[in-house]
Amino acid sequence: MMNISVMGVIPWQIVEKDNKYLVSTFMQLVYGQQAGLLVTVLILCIAFSSLFAVVLGYSRVPYAAAVDGNFFTVFGKLHPTKHFPHISLLVLCGLGFLFSLLFRLSEVISSILAMRILVQFIGQGVGVSLLRARLGSKDLPFKMWLFPLPVILSVLIWIFLLVSTGWFAVWGTSIALLGILVYYVKINYLDKTSLAN
């Protein structure tokens, strides 16, 4: 409905020119310059808040993995007085800053999307199948009708979306493979070296 409302107010010629500020333009045309400015500021506040929440949330992932012994132990450290995973937060923010300097935002988002499709969505489909093959369906807390057809269909759709990202599929897959390599090195070499000492 929102798209229909916007298209009812903004001429298609403006939309066709790839206007990146459609909602601000929409508010400006309906309520004037000040409303357009206010909506733009509100959108920026929401974007900043979302980024803040995502960074704080994602900093817990390397921390939890380090606490479980599945990632580098330095990421398992908490700030001495504030008790949050400061090393993990600093590394994630530093990497984000570095990527923002080296790549356009659309490239970073496409690469992250490709990596998430591979690791999270395709991985979930394969994981559900492996879990069911190992444990059977009797003791699982969920049922899946027509198993494995929904899993196969889901994985095929995600593979299509991964391939449709084009070059970014290579970037996302490379990052995921790099993560697997780092994990392999940590488990097989670094952990054994620290145990030997």
C-alpha atoms as a PDB file:
ATOM      1  CA  MET A   1       0.000   0.000   0.000  1.00  0.00           C
ATOM      2  CA  MET A   2       2.831   2.397   0.761  1.00  0.00           C
ATOM      3  CA  ASN A   3       4.257   1.924  -2.751  1.00  0.00           C
ATOM      4  CA  ILE A   4       0.849   2.607  -4.281  1.00  0.00           C
ATOM      5  CA  SER A   5       0.521   5.773  -2.181  1.00  0.00           C
ATOM      6  CA  VAL A   6       3.964   7.002  -3.214  1.00  0.00           C
ATOM      7  CA  MET A   7       3.345   6.216  -6.890  1.00  0.00           C
ATOM      8  CA  GLY A   8       0.006   8.067  -6.683  1.00  0.00           C
ATOM      9  CA  VAL A   9       1.762  11.268  -5.638  1.00  0.00           C
ATOM     10  CA  ILE A  10       5.190  11.189  -7.299  1.00  0.00           C
ATOM     11  CA  PRO A  11       5.218  11.293 -11.111  1.00  0.00           C
ATOM     12  CA  TRP A  12       6.649   8.160 -12.679  1.00  0.00           C
ATOM     13  CA  GLN A  13       9.311  10.230 -14.432  1.00  0.00           C
ATOM     14  CA  ILE A  14      10.892  11.051 -11.057  1.00  0.00           C
ATOM     15  CA  VAL A  15      10.727   7.406  -9.934  1.00  0.00           C
ATOM     16  CA  GLU A  16      12.205   6.273 -13.265  1.00  0.00           C
ATOM     17  CA  LYS A  17      15.300   8.444 -12.697  1.00  0.00           C
ATOM     18  CA  ASP A  18      16.206   6.148  -9.775  1.00  0.00           C
ATOM     19  CA  ASN A  19      15.319   8.691  -7.107  1.00  0.00           C
ATOM     20  CA  LYS A  20      16.938   7.440  -3.898  1.00  0.00           C
ATOM     21  CA  TYR A  21      14.862   9.724  -1.681  1.00  0.00           C
ATOM     22  CA  LEU A  22      11.327   8.731  -2.621  1.00  0.00           C
ATOM     23  CA  VAL A  23       9.791   8.956   0.848  1.00  0.00           C
ATOM     24  CA  SER A  24      11.335  12.384   1.479  1.00  0.00           C
ATOM     25  CA  THR A  25      10.172  13.571  -1.938  1.00  0.00           C
ATOM     26  CA  PHE A  26       6.715  12.126  -1.256  1.00  0.00           C
ATOM     27  CA  MET A  27       6.412  14.009   2.061  1.00  0.00           C
ATOM     28  CA  GLN A  28       7.738  17.185   0.489  1.00  0.00           C
ATOM     29  CA  LEU A  29       5.157  17.052  -2.292  1.00  0.00           C
ATOM     30  CA  VAL A  30       2.279  16.290   0.098  1.00  0.00           C
ATOM     31  CA  TYR A  31       3.123  18.444   3.145  1.00  0.00           C
ATOM     32  CA  GLY A  32       5.890  20.818   2.047  1.00  0.00           C
ATOM     33  CA  GLN A  33       9.616  21.360   2.412  1.00  0.00           C
ATOM     34  CA  GLN A  34       9.708  21.168   6.230  1.00  0.00           C
ATOM     35  CA  ALA A  35       7.893  17.807   6.300  1.00  0.00           C
ATOM     36  CA  GLY A  36      10.318  16.397   3.732  1.00  0.00           C
ATOM     37  CA  LEU A  37      13.244  17.575   5.839  1.00  0.00           C
ATOM     38  CA  LEU A  38      11.706  16.149   9.032  1.00  0.00           C
ATOM     39  CA  VAL A  39      11.094  12.735   7.439  1.00  0.00           C
ATOM     40  CA  THR A  40      14.665  12.684   6.109  1.00  0.00           C
ATOM     41  CA  VAL A  41      16.027  13.358   9.605  1.00  0.00           C
ATOM     42  CA  LEU A  42      13.752  10.670  11.071  1.00  0.00           C
ATOM     43  CA  ILE A  43      14.921   8.137   8.464  1.00  0.00           C
ATOM     44  CA  LEU A  44      18.551   8.931   9.303  1.00  0.00           C
ATOM     45  CA  CYS A  45      17.799   8.478  13.028  1.00  0.00           C
ATOM     46  CA  ILE A  46      16.179   5.102  12.338  1.00  0.00           C
ATOM     47  CA  ALA A  47      19.127   4.035  10.159  1.00  0.00           C
ATOM     48  CA  PHE A  48      21.613   5.052  12.877  1.00  0.00           C
ATOM     49  CA  SER A  49      19.590   3.283  15.588  1.00  0.00           C
ATOM     50  CA  SER A  50      19.334   0.148  13.472  1.00  0.00           C
ATOM     51  CA  LEU A  51      23.066   0.155  12.802  1.00  0.00           C
ATOM     52  CA  PHE A  52      23.779   0.700  16.505  1.00  0.00           C
ATOM     53  CA  ALA A  53      21.539  -2.231  17.512  1.00  0.00           C
ATOM     54  CA  VAL A  54      22.971  -4.534  14.834  1.00  0.00           C
ATOM     55  CA  VAL A  55      26.583  -3.794  15.788  1.00  0.00           C
ATOM     56  CA  LEU A  56      25.877  -4.337  19.479  1.00  0.00           C
ATOM     57  CA  GLY A  57      23.982  -7.546  18.731  1.00  0.00           C
ATOM     58  CA  TYR A  58      26.519  -8.990  16.318  1.00  0.00           C
ATOM     59  CA  SER A  59      29.407  -8.270  18.675  1.00  0.00           C
ATOM     60  CA  ARG A  60      27.919 -10.966  20.918  1.00  0.00           C
ATOM     61  CA  VAL A  61      28.387 -13.674  18.252  1.00  0.00           C
ATOM     62  CA  PRO A  62      32.225 -13.788  18.278  1.00  0.00           C
ATOM     63  CA  TYR A  63      32.095 -13.301  22.052  1.00  0.00           C
ATOM     64  CA  ALA A  64      29.790 -16.303  22.577  1.00  0.00           C
ATOM     65  CA  ALA A  65      31.847 -18.422  20.179  1.00  0.00           C
ATOM     66  CA  ALA A  66      35.040 -17.495  22.050  1.00  0.00           C
ATOM     67  CA  VAL A  67      33.471 -18.283  25.424  1.00  0.00           C
ATOM     68  CA  ASP A  68      32.432 -21.699  24.064  1.00  0.00           C
ATOM     69  CA  GLY A  69      36.002 -22.294  22.846  1.00  0.00           C
ATOM     70  CA  ASN A  70      35.100 -22.115  19.159  1.00  0.00           C
ATOM     71  CA  PHE A  71      36.784 -18.795  18.364  1.00  0.00           C
ATOM     72  CA  PHE A  72      39.877 -16.859  19.377  1.00  0.00           C
ATOM     73  CA  THR A  73      39.955 -16.383  23.153  1.00  0.00           C
ATOM     74  CA  VAL A  74      40.715 -12.651  22.899  1.00  0.00           C
ATOM     75  CA  PHE A  75      37.118 -12.145  21.676  1.00  0.00           C
ATOM     76  CA  GLY A  76      35.816 -13.674  24.912  1.00  0.00           C
ATOM     77  CA  LYS A  77      37.088 -10.791  27.043  1.00  0.00           C
ATOM     78  CA  LEU A  78      34.658  -8.368  28.655  1.00  0.00           C
ATOM     79  CA  HIS A  79      35.321  -4.715  29.394  1.00  0.00           C
ATOM     80  CA  PRO A  80      36.681  -4.520  32.957  1.00  0.00           C
ATOM     81  CA  THR A  81      34.095  -2.036  34.250  1.00  0.00           C
ATOM     82  CA  LYS A  82      31.241  -1.945  31.725  1.00  0.00           C
ATOM     83  CA  HIS A  83      31.072  -5.737  31.173  1.00  0.00           C
ATOM     84  CA  PHE A  84      30.434  -5.828  27.409  1.00  0.00           C
ATOM     85  CA  PRO A  85      32.545  -7.616  24.744  1.00  0.00           C
ATOM     86  CA  HIS A  86      34.691  -4.614  23.867  1.00  0.00           C
ATOM     87  CA  ILE A  87      37.289  -6.472  21.748  1.00  0.00           C
ATOM     88  CA  SER A  88      34.603  -8.021  19.572  1.00  0.00           C
ATOM     89  CA  LEU A  89      32.817  -4.677  19.249  1.00  0.00           C
ATOM     90  CA  LEU A  90      36.010  -2.819  18.293  1.00  0.00           C
ATOM     91  CA  VAL A  91      36.997  -5.430  15.690  1.00  0.00           C
ATOM     92  CA  LEU A  92      33.530  -5.448  14.096  1.00  0.00           C
ATOM     93  CA  CYS A  93      33.371  -1.650  13.989  1.00  0.00           C
ATOM     94  CA  GLY A  94      36.913  -1.483  12.593  1.00  0.00           C
ATOM     95  CA  LEU A  95      36.088  -3.989   9.852  1.00  0.00           C
ATOM     96  CA  GLY A  96      32.891  -2.119   9.048  1.00  0.00           C
ATOM     97  CA  PHE A  97      34.809   1.141   8.801  1.00  0.00           C
ATOM     98  CA  LEU A  98      37.446  -0.475   6.570  1.00  0.00           C
ATOM     99  CA  PHE A  99      34.815  -1.957   4.243  1.00  0.00           C
ATOM    100  CA  SER A 100      33.035   1.416   4.051  1.00  0.00           C
ATOM    101  CA  LEU A 101      36.264   2.978   2.778  1.00  0.00           C
ATOM    102  CA  LEU A 102      37.098   0.249   0.263  1.00  0.00           C
ATOM    103  CA  PHE A 103      33.672  -0.578  -1.204  1.00  0.00           C
ATOM    104  CA  ARG A 104      30.363   1.076  -2.032  1.00  0.00           C
ATOM    105  CA  LEU A 105      27.528   0.385   0.404  1.00  0.00           C
ATOM    106  CA  SER A 106      25.553  -1.548  -2.205  1.00  0.00           C
ATOM    107  CA  GLU A 107      28.556  -3.858  -2.753  1.00  0.00           C
ATOM    108  CA  VAL A 108      28.969  -4.505   0.965  1.00  0.00           C
ATOM    109  CA  ILE A 109      25.239  -5.222   1.387  1.00  0.00           C
ATOM    110  CA  SER A 110      25.208  -7.586  -1.610  1.00  0.00           C
ATOM    111  CA  SER A 111      28.263  -9.455  -0.298  1.00  0.00           C
ATOM    112  CA  ILE A 112      26.747  -9.776   3.168  1.00  0.00           C
ATOM    113  CA  LEU A 113      23.482 -10.956   1.635  1.00  0.00           C
ATOM    114  CA  ALA A 114      25.301 -13.579  -0.445  1.00  0.00           C
ATOM    115  CA  MET A 115      27.227 -14.789   2.605  1.00  0.00           C
ATOM    116  CA  ARG A 116      24.084 -14.988   4.735  1.00  0.00           C
ATOM    117  CA  ILE A 117      22.237 -16.904   2.024  1.00  0.00           C
ATOM    118  CA  LEU A 118      25.054 -19.432   1.915  1.00  0.00           C
ATOM    119  CA  VAL A 119      25.735 -19.770   5.634  1.00  0.00           C
ATOM    120  CA  GLN A 120      22.351 -19.157   7.204  1.00  0.00           C
ATOM    121  CA  PHE A 121      19.591 -20.084   4.775  1.00  0.00           C
ATOM    122  CA  ILE A 122      21.157 -22.863   2.711  1.00  0.00           C
ATOM    123  CA  GLY A 123      22.980 -24.052   5.825  1.00  0.00           C
ATOM    124  CA  GLN A 124      19.695 -24.238   7.752  1.00  0.00           C
ATOM    125  CA  GLY A 125      18.099 -26.406   5.081  1.00  0.00           C
ATOM    126  CA  VAL A 126      21.045 -28.788   5.039  1.00  0.00           C
ATOM    127  CA  GLY A 127      21.213 -28.734   8.838  1.00  0.00           C
ATOM    128  CA  VAL A 128      17.539 -29.649   9.251  1.00  0.00           C
ATOM    129  CA  SER A 129      18.006 -32.549   6.861  1.00  0.00           C
ATOM    130  CA  LEU A 130      21.113 -33.795   8.681  1.00  0.00           C
ATOM    131  CA  LEU A 131      19.408 -33.437  12.062  1.00  0.00           C
ATOM    132  CA  ARG A 132      16.412 -35.410  10.892  1.00  0.00           C
ATOM    133  CA  ALA A 133      18.628 -38.066   9.293  1.00  0.00           C
ATOM    134  CA  ARG A 134      20.598 -38.444  12.527  1.00  0.00           C
ATOM    135  CA  LEU A 135      17.769 -38.330  15.084  1.00  0.00           C
ATOM    136  CA  GLY A 136      14.748 -39.335  13.042  1.00  0.00           C
ATOM    137  CA  SER A 137      11.525 -37.368  13.228  1.00  0.00           C
ATOM    138  CA  LYS A 138       9.995 -38.988  16.312  1.00  0.00           C
ATOM    139  CA  ASP A 139      11.734 -36.922  19.014  1.00  0.00           C
ATOM    140  CA  LEU A 140      11.989 -33.637  17.129  1.00  0.00           C
ATOM    141  CA  PRO A 141       9.811 -30.788  18.464  1.00  0.00           C
ATOM    142  CA  PHE A 142       8.594 -29.856  14.984  1.00  0.00           C
ATOM    143  CA  LYS A 143       6.969 -31.577  12.030  1.00  0.00           C
ATOM    144  CA  MET A 144       7.590 -30.850   8.360  1.00  0.00           C
ATOM    145  CA  TRP A 145       4.952 -31.928   5.889  1.00  0.00           C
ATOM    146  CA  LEU A 146       6.164 -33.621   2.713  1.00  0.00           C
ATOM    147  CA  PHE A 147       9.745 -33.824   3.987  1.00  0.00           C
ATOM    148  CA  PRO A 148      12.261 -33.431   2.230  1.00  0.00           C
ATOM    149  CA  LEU A 149      10.404 -31.596  -0.554  1.00  0.00           C
ATOM    150  CA  PRO A 150      10.133 -28.225   1.319  1.00  0.00           C
ATOM    151  CA  VAL A 151      13.834 -28.355   2.190  1.00  0.00           C
ATOM    152  CA  ILE A 152      14.877 -29.150  -1.375  1.00  0.00           C
ATOM    153  CA  LEU A 153      12.638 -26.396  -2.755  1.00  0.00           C
ATOM    154  CA  SER A 154      13.927 -23.894  -0.206  1.00  0.00           C
ATOM    155  CA  VAL A 155      17.584 -24.712  -0.876  1.00  0.00           C
ATOM    156  CA  LEU A 156      17.050 -24.475  -4.658  1.00  0.00           C
ATOM    157  CA  ILE A 157      15.403 -21.049  -4.293  1.00  0.00           C
ATOM    158  CA  TRP A 158      18.236 -19.812  -2.064  1.00  0.00           C
ATOM    159  CA  ILE A 159      20.831 -21.148  -4.507  1.00  0.00           C
ATOM    160  CA  PHE A 160      19.052 -19.254  -7.306  1.00  0.00           C
ATOM    161  CA  LEU A 161      19.129 -16.041  -5.209  1.00  0.00           C
ATOM    162  CA  LEU A 162      22.799 -16.633  -4.374  1.00  0.00           C
ATOM    163  CA  VAL A 163      23.704 -17.041  -8.042  1.00  0.00           C
ATOM    164  CA  SER A 164      21.598 -13.986  -8.969  1.00  0.00           C
ATOM    165  CA  THR A 165      23.837 -11.787  -6.809  1.00  0.00           C
ATOM    166  CA  GLY A 166      26.507 -12.421  -9.474  1.00  0.00           C
ATOM    167  CA  TRP A 167      30.027 -11.458  -8.499  1.00  0.00           C
ATOM    168  CA  PHE A 168      28.935 -10.923  -4.904  1.00  0.00           C
ATOM    169  CA  ALA A 169      28.164 -14.643  -4.609  1.00  0.00           C
ATOM    170  CA  VAL A 170      31.898 -15.220  -5.132  1.00  0.00           C
ATOM    171  CA  TRP A 171      32.745 -12.637  -2.440  1.00  0.00           C
ATOM    172  CA  GLY A 172      30.238 -14.052   0.027  1.00  0.00           C
ATOM    173  CA  THR A 173      31.347 -17.632  -0.612  1.00  0.00           C
ATOM    174  CA  SER A 174      34.996 -16.588  -0.286  1.00  0.00           C
ATOM    175  CA  ILE A 175      34.327 -14.934   3.070  1.00  0.00           C
ATOM    176  CA  ALA A 176      32.457 -18.028   4.309  1.00  0.00           C
ATOM    177  CA  LEU A 177      35.288 -20.315   3.137  1.00  0.00           C
ATOM    178  CA  LEU A 178      37.831 -18.030   4.798  1.00  0.00           C
ATOM    179  CA  GLY A 179      35.862 -18.381   8.033  1.00  0.00           C
ATOM    180  CA  ILE A 180      35.928 -22.178   7.716  1.00  0.00           C
ATOM    181  CA  LEU A 181      39.691 -22.065   7.086  1.00  0.00           C
ATOM    182  CA  VAL A 182      40.315 -19.840  10.109  1.00  0.00           C
ATOM    183  CA  TYR A 183      38.202 -22.142  12.286  1.00  0.00           C
ATOM    184  CA  TYR A 184      40.090 -25.197  10.992  1.00  0.00           C
ATOM    185  CA  VAL A 185      43.475 -23.572  11.724  1.00  0.00           C
ATOM    186  CA  LYS A 186      42.333 -22.525  15.192  1.00  0.00           C
ATOM    187  CA  ILE A 187      41.000 -25.950  16.163  1.00  0.00           C
ATOM    188  CA  ASN A 188      43.788 -28.034  14.656  1.00  0.00           C
ATOM    189  CA  TYR A 189      46.876 -25.902  15.187  1.00  0.00           C
ATOM    190  CA  LEU A 190      46.422 -23.013  17.594  1.00  0.00           C
ATOM    191  CA  ASP A 191      44.517 -24.981  20.233  1.00  0.00           C
ATOM    192  CA  LYS A 192      47.018 -27.870  20.103  1.00  0.00           C
ATOM    193  CA  THR A 193      49.937 -25.428  20.368  1.00  0.00           C
ATOM    194  CA  SER A 194      48.427 -23.760  23.439  1.00  0.00           C
ATOM    195  CA  LEU A 195      47.745 -27.161  25.040  1.00  0.00           C
ATOM    196  CA  ALA A 196      51.344 -28.258  24.402  1.00  0.00           C
ATOM    197  CA  ASN A 197      52.662 -25.150  26.185  1.00  0.00           C
END
